[in-house]
Each structure stands twice: as structure tokens, then as C-alpha cells.
Amino acid sequence: MLEKSFLNLDDTIASISTAWGEAGIAIVRLSGPQALDIAEKAFRGIKPLKDTPPRYMRNGFLLDERGAPIDEVLGVWFRSPKSYTGEDVVEIHCHGGLLVASKCLELLIAQGARLAEPGEFTQRAFLNGRIDLTQAEAVLGVIRAKSDEALLSAARTLRGELSAKVNSIYDSLLNISATLEANLDFPEEDIPYLSKDDLFQSLNAIALNLQDVIYRCKVGKALRDGIKVAIVGRPNVGKSSIFNALLEETRAIVTPIPGTTRDIIEGSIVHKGIPIIFMDTAGLRATDDLVETIGVSMAQKALREADLRLWIIDGSEQLTKEEIDMAMELKNHSHIVAINKADIPQVISLEDVRQMLPESEIMVLSSYDKEAIRELKERIVKKLFKDSAINEGFNATARQIETLKSVLSCVENSISSLVSGEPQDLVASNLLEARYHIDRLLGRNFDEDLIHLIFSQFCVGK
């Protein structure tokens, strides 16, 4: 059951819901039990709004307290629960000037409305049960989408596809838990018995389903937030040249002097709908130069934060001991190896590097070869995502992914307990905890701080 006490849903809230600035129209929105009454105090049309059917536009004027017209407007209202917030909602569509929209809002507040907090309209939709928490967070994903793929991912989650998947998992867990607990509490009763093999098969199927949902959520998060690719290597191997080529613009200074790049330079592109943030880092080497040392330290931090490491090797020179050590470290992280400077005579071959890193993705290229750079972009995306995954992602936040991982951990613990022959009440306890995490994910259980944190990211009016 949702706890609503921390928010006064008896208030009627108001805000400008369109972008701030000059435009064709602006929309001032009211939501709450007094929305229609407050609007009626200011709206004058051929008929009152309350005598107009819900969802029908009515032309009229908005009048101030003295009866003077502020603007010619269109008014429309939505009856609870068939509205964005699940409450009575009124929208006043006025001309899109800064002053006129502000005057309309001020008038409605003077008539008894309260200025809405950031995200409060969507928060009310959640608290009134029209949407769950994953759908509420997807609203922000729709607003912030930077590509068609990101928008489709957010719309998919807003439509309830992620919720449906998770609720199906919840129902499966609940059915297993009910049977387990019945067997434990009433062993003498004629209750269908769940064998160890059946239980294992059911839990394993749930775990696989969860892994798929988590993966699709990671794809959706990448579509929204982008992936970070750290370009690393020793000094003067052509990292900045590759960086500029990937961006198709000159962002980093390129010179034959080792150590030219001393700071992290970031640039982003959108490839196949995925924002990719490239980080050109300082060359990794021991140095007595204080500024360069700081740059190397920042490069190490970028490596830790990156989703993928793009290791650049100068194919015209032999590998150094530092590079061989770096290759050993790369094995523990997602990476691609690029043997650079293919336009000049080479002393390192692809086979040489493959002997050192037999499982790695390796390619030979030149920063001047546009086709090779295009292929590199393709490989970066394929390294992190399955071919079909981009069209199947769920818009998700880090919070949602971590919560789903907690659900998976509980299910895996249940499987481990089952395999090791531990009592079935321990299996049931893990499944109860898994359902608790799902309730938090969907917002059936929540704390006030979490809700305020989520909705404070929204703009006022949404």
C-alpha cells in the first residue's frame, strides 16, 4: 500500500508545463481536488468549463481579480482518474509569451492553487497508482532522450513493458513461495508437493529471465546515458589522432612530442542510437613532470570508470615492458586493441598481439583511414551489445539495475541453498527477500527520501 502522508494530496497545484520562453502557446496546468473550481474563478467562456465535457476544448478569456482580460485562451479539463495525475486536471492554453504565461499562473495561485514542486505532477500520478515507479522514471527518459533508439526504449518502459516483465517474475516467485510455505506449514495436508527437481527448474528459469531483463535494462541505460570509452596507451602512439578521427573533428592537440595530452579530453558521438563518450587520456608512463603525473593519475581514474578501454599501440615500434604489463591488466576488463599507424611500415603484426591477448578484439588501422575508423565504431558497439539488443532495451536507472541485481542474488542464493541440501525454509526466506526488492523497484514499498530524490530531477511543470 502506498504511503501518501508525506505529501498533501489535498492541495491543488499549478505550474507552467511548457518550456520557459517565447513560443506559439504556453500551457498552465492545474491538478487536484479544486482544479476545476479554481479555473472557473478566472475563466470566462460562452459556457463554464464545468459545463463542458471532459477532454473538450473551450474558448474563452482569463480574467484577473478586477475582471480585466489577461489573454484569450483555450481551457480543457480531465476528470479523475482519467488524467495524467489521476486527479482532476485543468489545462489553460494561452499565448506563449513570458509575461502572459506568468500572469496566468500568478492568477491561478491567487485563486487558491499552490505552485507545484519539481516533478510533482508525475509524482502524483505515481502516488495515485496510475503509473508505477519504473514508469515514472521513464518519463524523464522520454524527456532526455538523445536518439530515436533512446526514445523508443523510454517509451517502451513508460508503456509498462518493464513492469509487466518484473510483475511476471514476482508472480512466479509468489507461487513458488506459497507452495513451499504450505508444504512446510501443513505437511499432512493434501497440498501439491514441489519436488527438488521441479523447484530447481523453476528457480533456474526465473534466474535466466532476470538476467535477460537486467541486460535489457543495461542497454536502455546506455541508450539514455551513453557509454564511456577510455582511449589509453603510452605517449605518442596516436591516441589523440584516433580521438579526433572518431569525433570527425579536431578536439585534441596532436604533436610528435610525447606527453602533449595532460588532461582528460572528452567528446561524444551518437552511433546506432548509442551516445558514446570518448575520453582521450594522458599517455601512461612514469614521469617526473608534476603536471603530466597528475594527468596520468586522471587517466587511471578514467580507466576505472570506463565501460570499455580502447588500447592504442604504435604498430611501427616494438612493445615496451610497460605496454606488456598493460596488456596483462586489460584481460580483466572489456577492451579493444587497435594497432595504429598502419599507413607506415609496421614491426608489430596482429598475430603478435593475438599471441599475447588470444581472447581480445584486435584490429589494425590508421587514423587517416575513414573506413577503418567506421569499423572501429561498429566494433565498439558490438563489443558491448548484442545485435538485436539496441531495439529491445528498457529505459532504466542505476538504482533499478542494482535492485534487479539484488533480486537475482536472492534467487541465486535460493538455488545454492537447494543444491547444497539446506532446509527449504531458507529457500523460502530468500524468495521473500527477492519479492521485497521487486516491491521497492516498482514503488509498492518506498521511503520518502528516495521518492524526493527521484522526482527532484524533474522540471517544474512535469
Protein backbone atom coordinates (compact mmCIF):
# COMPACT_ATOMS: atom_id res chain seq x y z
CA MET A 1 0.00 0.00 0.00
CA LEU A 2 1.39 3.42 -0.92
CA GLU A 3 2.20 5.77 1.93
CA LYS A 4 0.88 9.20 0.93
CA SER A 5 1.10 11.02 4.25
CA PHE A 6 4.32 12.87 3.47
CA LEU A 7 2.65 14.72 0.58
CA ASN A 8 -0.51 16.78 0.93
CA LEU A 9 -2.62 15.49 -1.94
CA ASP A 10 -5.48 17.70 -0.78
CA ASP A 11 -3.65 20.69 -2.28
CA THR A 12 -4.36 21.79 -5.82
CA ILE A 13 -1.08 22.50 -7.59
CA ALA A 14 -0.31 24.69 -10.60
CA SER A 15 2.64 25.28 -12.89
CA ILE A 16 3.64 26.24 -16.40
CA SER A 17 4.15 22.89 -18.14
CA THR A 18 5.73 24.10 -21.37
CA ALA A 19 9.29 25.30 -21.86
CA TRP A 20 10.12 28.74 -20.50
CA GLY A 21 10.41 31.25 -23.32
CA GLU A 22 8.57 32.76 -26.26
CA ALA A 23 6.54 30.27 -28.30
CA GLY A 24 3.25 29.81 -30.11
CA ILE A 25 1.45 28.67 -26.97
CA ALA A 26 2.12 28.01 -23.29
CA ILE A 27 0.22 25.54 -21.12
CA VAL A 28 -0.57 26.25 -17.48
CA ARG A 29 -1.65 23.09 -15.67
CA LEU A 30 -3.73 22.61 -12.52
CA SER A 31 -4.14 19.31 -10.67
CA GLY A 32 -6.04 18.48 -7.50
CA PRO A 33 -9.50 18.41 -5.95
CA GLN A 34 -10.10 22.15 -6.50
CA ALA A 35 -8.64 22.36 -10.02
CA LEU A 36 -11.95 22.97 -11.79
CA ASP A 37 -13.27 25.40 -9.15
CA ILE A 38 -10.06 27.48 -9.23
CA ALA A 39 -10.05 27.61 -13.03
CA GLU A 40 -13.72 28.65 -13.09
CA LYS A 41 -12.93 31.72 -10.98
CA ALA A 42 -10.71 33.08 -13.75
CA PHE A 43 -12.03 31.54 -16.97
CA ARG A 44 -14.86 33.18 -18.92
CA GLY A 45 -16.28 31.49 -22.00
CA ILE A 46 -19.67 31.09 -23.66
CA LYS A 47 -20.18 28.25 -21.18
CA PRO A 48 -18.34 27.47 -17.93
CA LEU A 49 -15.64 24.81 -18.09
CA LYS A 50 -17.60 22.59 -15.70
CA ASP A 51 -20.46 22.51 -18.24
CA THR A 52 -18.04 21.42 -20.96
CA PRO A 53 -17.48 17.65 -21.34
CA PRO A 54 -14.05 16.44 -20.16
CA ARG A 55 -11.34 16.48 -22.87
CA TYR A 56 -13.20 19.08 -24.96
CA MET A 57 -11.56 22.45 -25.60
CA ARG A 58 -13.46 25.60 -24.64
CA ASN A 59 -12.53 29.05 -25.96
CA GLY A 60 -12.63 31.98 -23.55
CA PHE A 61 -10.69 34.65 -21.70
CA LEU A 62 -8.71 34.54 -18.49
CA LEU A 63 -9.72 37.47 -16.29
CA ASP A 64 -7.84 38.93 -13.33
CA GLU A 65 -9.44 39.79 -9.96
CA ARG A 66 -10.75 43.09 -11.37
CA GLY A 67 -12.36 41.38 -14.36
CA ALA A 68 -9.75 42.67 -16.81
CA PRO A 69 -8.73 40.17 -19.53
CA ILE A 70 -5.21 38.77 -19.34
CA ASP A 71 -5.36 36.67 -22.51
CA GLU A 72 -7.64 34.82 -24.87
CA VAL A 73 -7.17 31.16 -24.01
CA LEU A 74 -8.39 27.62 -24.54
CA GLY A 75 -9.42 25.62 -21.50
CA VAL A 76 -9.77 21.86 -21.16
CA TRP A 77 -10.29 19.61 -18.16
CA PHE A 78 -9.80 15.92 -17.38
CA ARG A 79 -11.87 14.12 -14.78
CA SER A 80 -10.20 11.89 -12.19
CA PRO A 81 -8.96 9.19 -12.59
CA LYS A 82 -8.62 9.57 -16.38
CA SER A 83 -5.92 12.23 -16.33
CA TYR A 84 -2.14 12.46 -16.23
CA THR A 85 -2.04 12.67 -12.43
CA GLY A 86 -5.10 10.54 -11.72
CA GLU A 87 -6.75 13.66 -10.24
CA ASP A 88 -8.97 16.35 -11.73
CA VAL A 89 -6.71 18.29 -14.11
CA VAL A 90 -7.29 21.59 -15.92
CA GLU A 91 -5.06 22.95 -18.67
CA ILE A 92 -5.14 26.59 -19.76
CA HIS A 93 -3.59 27.08 -23.22
CA CYS A 94 -2.51 30.71 -23.51
CA HIS A 95 -0.22 32.59 -25.89
CA GLY A 96 3.40 31.66 -25.37
CA GLY A 97 4.89 34.90 -24.09
CA LEU A 98 6.96 35.01 -20.91
CA LEU A 99 4.75 37.63 -19.29
CA VAL A 100 1.34 36.25 -20.26
CA ALA A 101 2.12 32.70 -19.06
CA SER A 102 3.47 34.04 -15.78
CA LYS A 103 0.38 36.22 -15.31
CA CYS A 104 -1.91 33.23 -15.91
CA LEU A 105 -0.01 31.19 -13.34
CA GLU A 106 0.01 34.02 -10.79
CA LEU A 107 -3.75 34.42 -11.18
CA LEU A 108 -4.44 30.73 -10.56
CA ILE A 109 -2.20 30.76 -7.49
CA ALA A 110 -4.02 33.85 -6.22
CA GLN A 111 -7.29 31.92 -6.60
CA GLY A 112 -6.08 29.15 -4.29
CA ALA A 113 -3.62 26.89 -6.11
CA ARG A 114 -0.14 26.10 -4.81
CA LEU A 115 2.96 26.32 -7.00
CA ALA A 116 3.98 22.76 -7.89
CA GLU A 117 7.30 21.28 -6.81
CA PRO A 118 9.64 19.82 -9.47
CA GLY A 119 8.14 16.61 -10.83
CA GLU A 120 5.08 16.86 -8.61
CA PHE A 121 2.56 16.15 -11.38
CA THR A 122 4.32 12.88 -12.23
CA GLN A 123 4.80 12.18 -8.52
CA ARG A 124 1.04 12.43 -8.03
CA ALA A 125 0.48 10.08 -10.97
CA PHE A 126 2.69 7.58 -9.12
CA LEU A 127 1.15 8.13 -5.69
CA ASN A 128 -2.35 7.83 -7.11
CA GLY A 129 -1.44 4.48 -8.68
CA ARG A 130 -1.78 5.48 -12.32
CA ILE A 131 1.84 4.51 -13.00
CA ASP A 132 4.48 2.63 -11.03
CA LEU A 133 7.94 3.91 -10.15
CA THR A 134 9.70 2.47 -13.21
CA GLN A 135 7.16 4.19 -15.46
CA ALA A 136 7.54 7.46 -13.55
CA GLU A 137 11.31 7.39 -14.03
CA ALA A 138 10.79 6.57 -17.72
CA VAL A 139 9.03 9.93 -18.14
CA LEU A 140 12.41 11.57 -17.53
CA GLY A 141 13.94 9.18 -20.05
CA VAL A 142 11.46 10.34 -22.70
CA ILE A 143 12.26 13.98 -21.98
CA ARG A 144 16.04 13.49 -22.06
CA ALA A 145 16.27 11.06 -24.99
CA LYS A 146 19.06 11.98 -27.42
CA SER A 147 18.28 9.45 -30.16
CA ASP A 148 15.35 7.61 -31.73
CA GLU A 149 16.51 4.40 -30.07
CA ALA A 150 16.68 6.04 -26.63
CA LEU A 151 13.20 7.47 -27.10
CA LEU A 152 11.77 4.07 -28.10
CA SER A 153 13.43 2.47 -25.08
CA ALA A 154 11.94 5.07 -22.73
CA ALA A 155 8.51 4.81 -24.37
CA ARG A 156 8.65 1.02 -24.02
CA THR A 157 9.25 1.35 -20.28
CA LEU A 158 6.65 4.12 -19.91
CA ARG A 159 4.12 1.87 -21.64
CA GLY A 160 4.70 -0.69 -18.88
CA GLU A 161 6.71 -3.40 -20.65
CA LEU A 162 9.41 -3.50 -17.94
CA SER A 163 6.74 -3.50 -15.23
CA ALA A 164 4.98 -6.42 -16.92
CA LYS A 165 8.21 -8.44 -17.07
CA VAL A 166 9.03 -7.77 -13.43
CA ASN A 167 5.47 -8.43 -12.24
CA SER A 168 5.53 -11.77 -14.06
CA ILE A 169 8.73 -12.68 -12.20
CA TYR A 170 7.10 -11.56 -8.94
CA ASP A 171 4.07 -13.77 -9.57
CA SER A 172 6.33 -16.77 -10.28
CA LEU A 173 8.24 -16.17 -7.05
CA LEU A 174 4.98 -15.78 -5.13
CA ASN A 175 3.57 -19.05 -6.49
CA ILE A 176 6.73 -20.95 -5.57
CA SER A 177 6.81 -19.34 -2.11
CA ALA A 178 3.15 -20.17 -1.47
CA THR A 179 3.68 -23.85 -2.34
CA LEU A 180 6.90 -24.06 -0.31
CA GLU A 181 5.37 -22.46 2.76
CA ALA A 182 2.25 -24.61 2.51
CA ASN A 183 4.43 -27.76 2.37
CA LEU A 184 6.37 -26.53 5.41
CA ASP A 185 3.36 -25.44 7.47
CA PHE A 186 0.92 -28.22 6.56
CA PRO A 187 2.96 -31.33 5.73
CA GLU A 188 0.00 -33.62 6.48
CA GLU A 189 -2.42 -31.83 4.16
CA ASP A 190 -3.16 -32.88 0.58
CA ILE A 191 -1.22 -29.99 -1.00
CA PRO A 192 0.64 -30.35 -4.33
CA TYR A 193 4.25 -31.11 -3.44
CA LEU A 194 7.07 -29.25 -5.19
CA SER A 195 9.93 -31.67 -5.80
CA LYS A 196 13.54 -30.57 -5.56
CA ASP A 197 14.00 -31.00 -9.32
CA ASP A 198 10.85 -29.02 -10.12
CA LEU A 199 11.91 -26.27 -7.73
CA PHE A 200 15.39 -26.14 -9.25
CA GLN A 201 14.00 -25.90 -12.78
CA SER A 202 11.56 -23.14 -11.79
CA LEU A 203 14.17 -21.07 -9.96
CA ASN A 204 16.70 -21.50 -12.74
CA ALA A 205 14.14 -20.27 -15.30
CA ILE A 206 13.46 -17.21 -13.14
CA ALA A 207 17.20 -16.50 -12.83
CA LEU A 208 17.63 -16.67 -16.61
CA ASN A 209 14.64 -14.37 -17.07
CA LEU A 210 16.13 -11.89 -14.59
CA GLN A 211 19.49 -11.95 -16.36
CA ASP A 212 17.75 -11.07 -19.62
CA VAL A 213 15.80 -8.21 -18.00
CA ILE A 214 18.97 -6.84 -16.37
CA TYR A 215 20.82 -6.95 -19.67
CA ARG A 216 18.00 -5.14 -21.46
CA CYS A 217 17.98 -2.53 -18.69
CA LYS A 218 21.72 -2.00 -19.13
CA VAL A 219 21.14 -1.48 -22.84
CA GLY A 220 18.42 1.07 -22.10
CA LYS A 221 20.63 2.88 -19.61
CA ALA A 222 23.40 3.07 -22.21
CA LEU A 223 20.95 4.45 -24.78
CA ARG A 224 19.99 7.19 -22.33
CA ASP A 225 23.27 7.98 -20.55
CA GLY A 226 25.81 6.80 -23.12
CA ILE A 227 28.83 4.53 -22.77
CA LYS A 228 32.29 5.71 -21.77
CA VAL A 229 35.28 4.62 -23.83
CA ALA A 230 38.73 5.44 -22.45
CA ILE A 231 41.42 5.76 -25.13
CA VAL A 232 44.64 4.59 -23.48
CA GLY A 233 48.21 3.76 -24.33
CA ARG A 234 51.72 5.01 -23.84
CA PRO A 235 52.65 8.53 -25.03
CA ASN A 236 52.83 9.32 -28.75
CA VAL A 237 51.10 6.20 -30.08
CA GLY A 238 48.40 8.30 -31.79
CA LYS A 239 45.67 8.35 -29.15
CA SER A 240 44.68 11.95 -29.87
CA SER A 241 44.69 11.33 -33.63
CA ILE A 242 42.31 8.38 -33.15
CA PHE A 243 40.21 10.51 -30.78
CA ASN A 244 39.87 13.29 -33.37
CA ALA A 245 39.09 10.77 -36.12
CA LEU A 246 36.34 9.14 -34.07
CA LEU A 247 34.73 12.52 -33.41
CA GLU A 248 35.32 13.66 -37.01
CA GLU A 249 36.62 16.95 -35.69
CA THR A 250 39.83 18.31 -34.16
CA ARG A 251 39.41 18.40 -30.40
CA ALA A 252 42.80 17.25 -29.14
CA ILE A 253 46.18 18.77 -29.97
CA VAL A 254 48.35 16.40 -32.00
CA THR A 255 52.16 16.80 -31.98
CA PRO A 256 55.14 14.43 -32.26
CA ILE A 257 56.14 15.45 -28.72
CA PRO A 258 55.36 12.70 -26.17
CA GLY A 259 53.11 13.83 -23.30
CA THR A 260 51.19 16.51 -25.23
CA THR A 261 47.85 15.39 -23.72
CA ARG A 262 47.91 16.03 -19.98
CA ASP A 263 44.24 16.36 -19.13
CA ILE A 264 41.18 14.23 -19.89
CA ILE A 265 39.56 15.49 -23.09
CA GLU A 266 36.02 14.26 -23.69
CA GLY A 267 33.98 14.21 -26.87
CA SER A 268 30.81 12.39 -27.80
CA ILE A 269 29.06 10.98 -30.84
CA VAL A 270 25.84 9.02 -31.37
CA HIS A 271 26.37 5.77 -33.25
CA LYS A 272 23.46 3.42 -33.94
CA GLY A 273 21.44 5.35 -31.40
CA ILE A 274 24.01 4.95 -28.62
CA PRO A 275 25.76 8.03 -27.23
CA ILE A 276 29.46 7.19 -26.99
CA ILE A 277 31.64 9.39 -24.79
CA PHE A 278 35.29 9.09 -25.80
CA MET A 279 37.95 10.08 -23.27
CA ASP A 280 41.38 10.97 -24.62
CA THR A 281 43.78 10.34 -21.75
CA ALA A 282 47.36 11.21 -20.92
CA GLY A 283 49.95 8.68 -22.05
CA LEU A 284 50.57 6.11 -19.32
CA ARG A 285 54.20 6.23 -18.24
CA ALA A 286 56.38 7.08 -15.26
CA THR A 287 57.38 10.75 -15.36
CA ASP A 288 59.00 13.40 -13.17
CA ASP A 289 56.81 16.15 -14.64
CA LEU A 290 54.26 17.12 -11.95
CA VAL A 291 51.54 18.19 -14.40
CA GLU A 292 51.96 15.05 -16.51
CA THR A 293 51.90 12.92 -13.34
CA ILE A 294 48.52 14.43 -12.46
CA GLY A 295 47.34 13.69 -15.99
CA VAL A 296 48.43 10.05 -15.68
CA SER A 297 46.56 9.80 -12.36
CA MET A 298 43.43 11.19 -14.03
CA ALA A 299 43.88 8.69 -16.86
CA GLN A 300 43.92 5.84 -14.33
CA LYS A 301 40.66 7.15 -12.86
CA ALA A 302 39.11 7.31 -16.34
CA LEU A 303 40.13 3.69 -16.89
CA ARG A 304 38.28 2.62 -13.76
CA GLU A 305 35.11 4.48 -14.80
CA ALA A 306 35.11 3.42 -18.46
CA ASP A 307 32.72 0.85 -19.87
CA LEU A 308 35.34 -0.10 -22.45
CA ARG A 309 39.08 0.51 -22.85
CA LEU A 310 40.43 1.26 -26.32
CA TRP A 311 44.13 0.39 -26.13
CA ILE A 312 46.20 2.06 -28.84
CA ILE A 313 49.52 0.50 -29.89
CA ASP A 314 52.03 2.06 -32.27
CA GLY A 315 52.48 -0.66 -34.88
CA SER A 316 55.72 0.92 -36.13
CA GLU A 317 57.55 0.35 -32.81
CA GLN A 318 58.23 -2.62 -30.57
CA LEU A 319 56.11 -3.04 -27.45
CA THR A 320 57.64 -1.70 -24.26
CA LYS A 321 57.66 -3.51 -20.91
CA GLU A 322 55.00 -1.07 -19.66
CA GLU A 323 52.77 -2.00 -22.60
CA ILE A 324 53.19 -5.72 -21.94
CA ASP A 325 52.19 -5.11 -18.30
CA MET A 326 49.20 -3.09 -19.51
CA ALA A 327 48.16 -5.97 -21.77
CA MET A 328 48.01 -8.30 -18.79
CA GLU A 329 45.79 -5.83 -16.92
CA LEU A 330 43.46 -5.45 -19.91
CA LYS A 331 42.43 -9.10 -19.65
CA ASN A 332 40.25 -8.26 -16.65
CA HIS A 333 38.28 -5.51 -18.43
CA SER A 334 36.17 -5.07 -21.55
CA HIS A 335 38.56 -3.78 -24.21
CA ILE A 336 39.53 -3.47 -27.85
CA VAL A 337 43.11 -3.32 -29.10
CA ALA A 338 43.92 -1.02 -32.03
CA ILE A 339 47.31 -1.35 -33.73
CA ASN A 340 47.75 2.18 -35.06
CA LYS A 341 49.83 3.81 -37.82
CA ALA A 342 49.09 1.18 -40.45
CA ASP A 343 49.97 3.81 -43.08
CA ILE A 344 53.69 3.44 -42.30
CA PRO A 345 55.95 0.33 -42.13
CA GLN A 346 54.97 -2.00 -39.27
CA VAL A 347 57.09 -4.00 -36.87
CA ILE A 348 54.13 -5.40 -34.88
CA SER A 349 51.57 -7.69 -36.51
CA LEU A 350 48.07 -8.61 -35.47
CA GLU A 351 49.35 -12.15 -34.80
CA ASP A 352 52.00 -10.81 -32.41
CA VAL A 353 49.34 -9.13 -30.28
CA ARG A 354 46.97 -12.09 -30.55
CA GLN A 355 49.60 -14.38 -29.03
CA MET A 356 49.71 -12.06 -26.02
CA LEU A 357 45.92 -11.48 -25.87
CA PRO A 358 44.30 -14.50 -27.56
CA GLU A 359 40.75 -13.62 -26.44
CA SER A 360 40.91 -9.93 -27.36
CA GLU A 361 39.23 -7.97 -30.14
CA ILE A 362 42.16 -6.63 -32.23
CA MET A 363 42.27 -4.54 -35.38
CA VAL A 364 44.91 -2.78 -37.46
CA LEU A 365 44.15 0.78 -38.55
CA SER A 366 45.33 4.26 -39.33
CA SER A 367 43.69 7.41 -38.00
CA TYR A 368 43.63 8.62 -41.63
CA ASP A 369 41.57 5.64 -42.84
CA LYS A 370 37.90 6.65 -42.57
CA GLU A 371 36.65 3.14 -43.34
CA ALA A 372 38.80 1.68 -40.55
CA ILE A 373 37.51 4.32 -38.11
CA ARG A 374 33.93 3.46 -39.10
CA GLU A 375 34.66 -0.22 -38.46
CA LEU A 376 36.15 0.68 -35.07
CA LYS A 377 32.88 2.39 -34.09
CA GLU A 378 30.98 -0.72 -35.18
CA ARG A 379 33.24 -2.96 -33.10
CA ILE A 380 32.82 -0.77 -30.02
CA VAL A 381 29.03 -1.12 -30.18
CA LYS A 382 29.15 -4.87 -30.94
CA LYS A 383 31.61 -5.43 -28.10
CA LEU A 384 29.11 -4.11 -25.57
CA PHE A 385 25.76 -5.06 -27.13
CA LYS A 386 24.18 -7.98 -28.93
CA ASP A 387 22.99 -7.23 -32.45
CA SER A 388 19.29 -7.13 -31.55
CA ALA A 389 19.66 -5.65 -28.08
CA ILE A 390 19.50 -1.98 -29.09
CA ASN A 391 15.89 -2.41 -30.19
CA GLU A 392 14.91 -4.30 -27.02
CA GLY A 393 16.31 -2.14 -24.23
CA PHE A 394 14.34 -0.88 -21.24
CA ASN A 395 14.99 2.68 -20.10
CA ALA A 396 16.48 2.08 -16.65
CA THR A 397 18.42 3.88 -13.95
CA ALA A 398 21.38 2.66 -11.94
CA ARG A 399 19.01 2.26 -8.97
CA GLN A 400 16.71 -0.02 -10.93
CA ILE A 401 19.56 -2.16 -12.26
CA GLU A 402 21.10 -2.58 -8.79
CA THR A 403 17.70 -3.52 -7.36
CA LEU A 404 17.21 -6.14 -10.08
CA LYS A 405 20.68 -7.49 -9.31
CA SER A 406 19.60 -7.84 -5.67
CA VAL A 407 16.56 -9.83 -6.81
CA LEU A 408 18.80 -12.08 -8.91
CA SER A 409 21.19 -12.54 -5.99
CA CYS A 410 18.32 -13.71 -3.77
CA VAL A 411 17.16 -16.20 -6.42
CA GLU A 412 20.72 -17.49 -6.90
CA ASN A 413 21.08 -17.87 -3.13
CA SER A 414 17.87 -19.91 -3.14
CA ILE A 415 19.29 -22.17 -5.85
CA SER A 416 22.55 -22.59 -3.90
CA SER A 417 20.62 -23.47 -0.74
CA LEU A 418 18.58 -26.01 -2.66
CA VAL A 419 21.60 -27.65 -4.31
CA SER A 420 23.53 -27.86 -1.04
CA GLY A 421 20.59 -29.53 0.70
CA GLU A 422 19.82 -26.74 3.14
CA PRO A 423 16.32 -26.52 4.68
CA GLN A 424 13.58 -25.30 2.35
CA ASP A 425 12.60 -22.58 4.81
CA LEU A 426 15.93 -20.91 3.90
CA VAL A 427 14.93 -21.08 0.23
CA ALA A 428 11.58 -19.52 1.12
CA SER A 429 13.31 -16.75 3.09
CA ASN A 430 15.47 -15.80 0.10
CA LEU A 431 12.42 -15.71 -2.16
CA LEU A 432 10.62 -13.44 0.31
CA GLU A 433 13.56 -11.04 0.19
CA ALA A 434 13.51 -11.16 -3.63
CA ARG A 435 9.86 -10.10 -3.63
CA TYR A 436 10.68 -7.28 -1.22
CA HIS A 437 13.25 -5.89 -3.68
CA ILE A 438 10.72 -6.06 -6.54
CA ASP A 439 8.22 -4.14 -4.41
CA ARG A 440 10.85 -1.42 -3.93
CA LEU A 441 11.68 -1.41 -7.63
CA LEU A 442 8.07 -0.81 -8.65
CA GLY A 443 7.38 1.59 -5.77
CA ARG A 444 4.98 -0.61 -3.82
CA ASN A 445 7.34 -0.11 -0.88
CA PHE A 446 9.43 3.06 -0.73
CA ASP A 447 10.91 5.65 1.58
CA GLU A 448 10.29 9.38 1.35
CA ASP A 449 13.93 10.28 0.70
CA LEU A 450 14.06 8.01 -2.36
CA ILE A 451 10.87 9.48 -3.81
CA HIS A 452 12.03 13.05 -3.27
CA LEU A 453 15.42 12.22 -4.83
CA ILE A 454 13.82 10.71 -7.94
CA PHE A 455 11.27 13.44 -8.62
CA SER A 456 13.59 16.34 -7.75
CA GLN A 457 15.37 15.57 -11.05
CA PHE A 458 12.25 16.58 -12.99
CA CYS A 459 11.50 20.10 -14.12
CA VAL A 460 8.74 22.17 -12.54
CA GLY A 461 5.55 21.52 -14.51
CA LYS A 462 6.20 17.81 -15.08
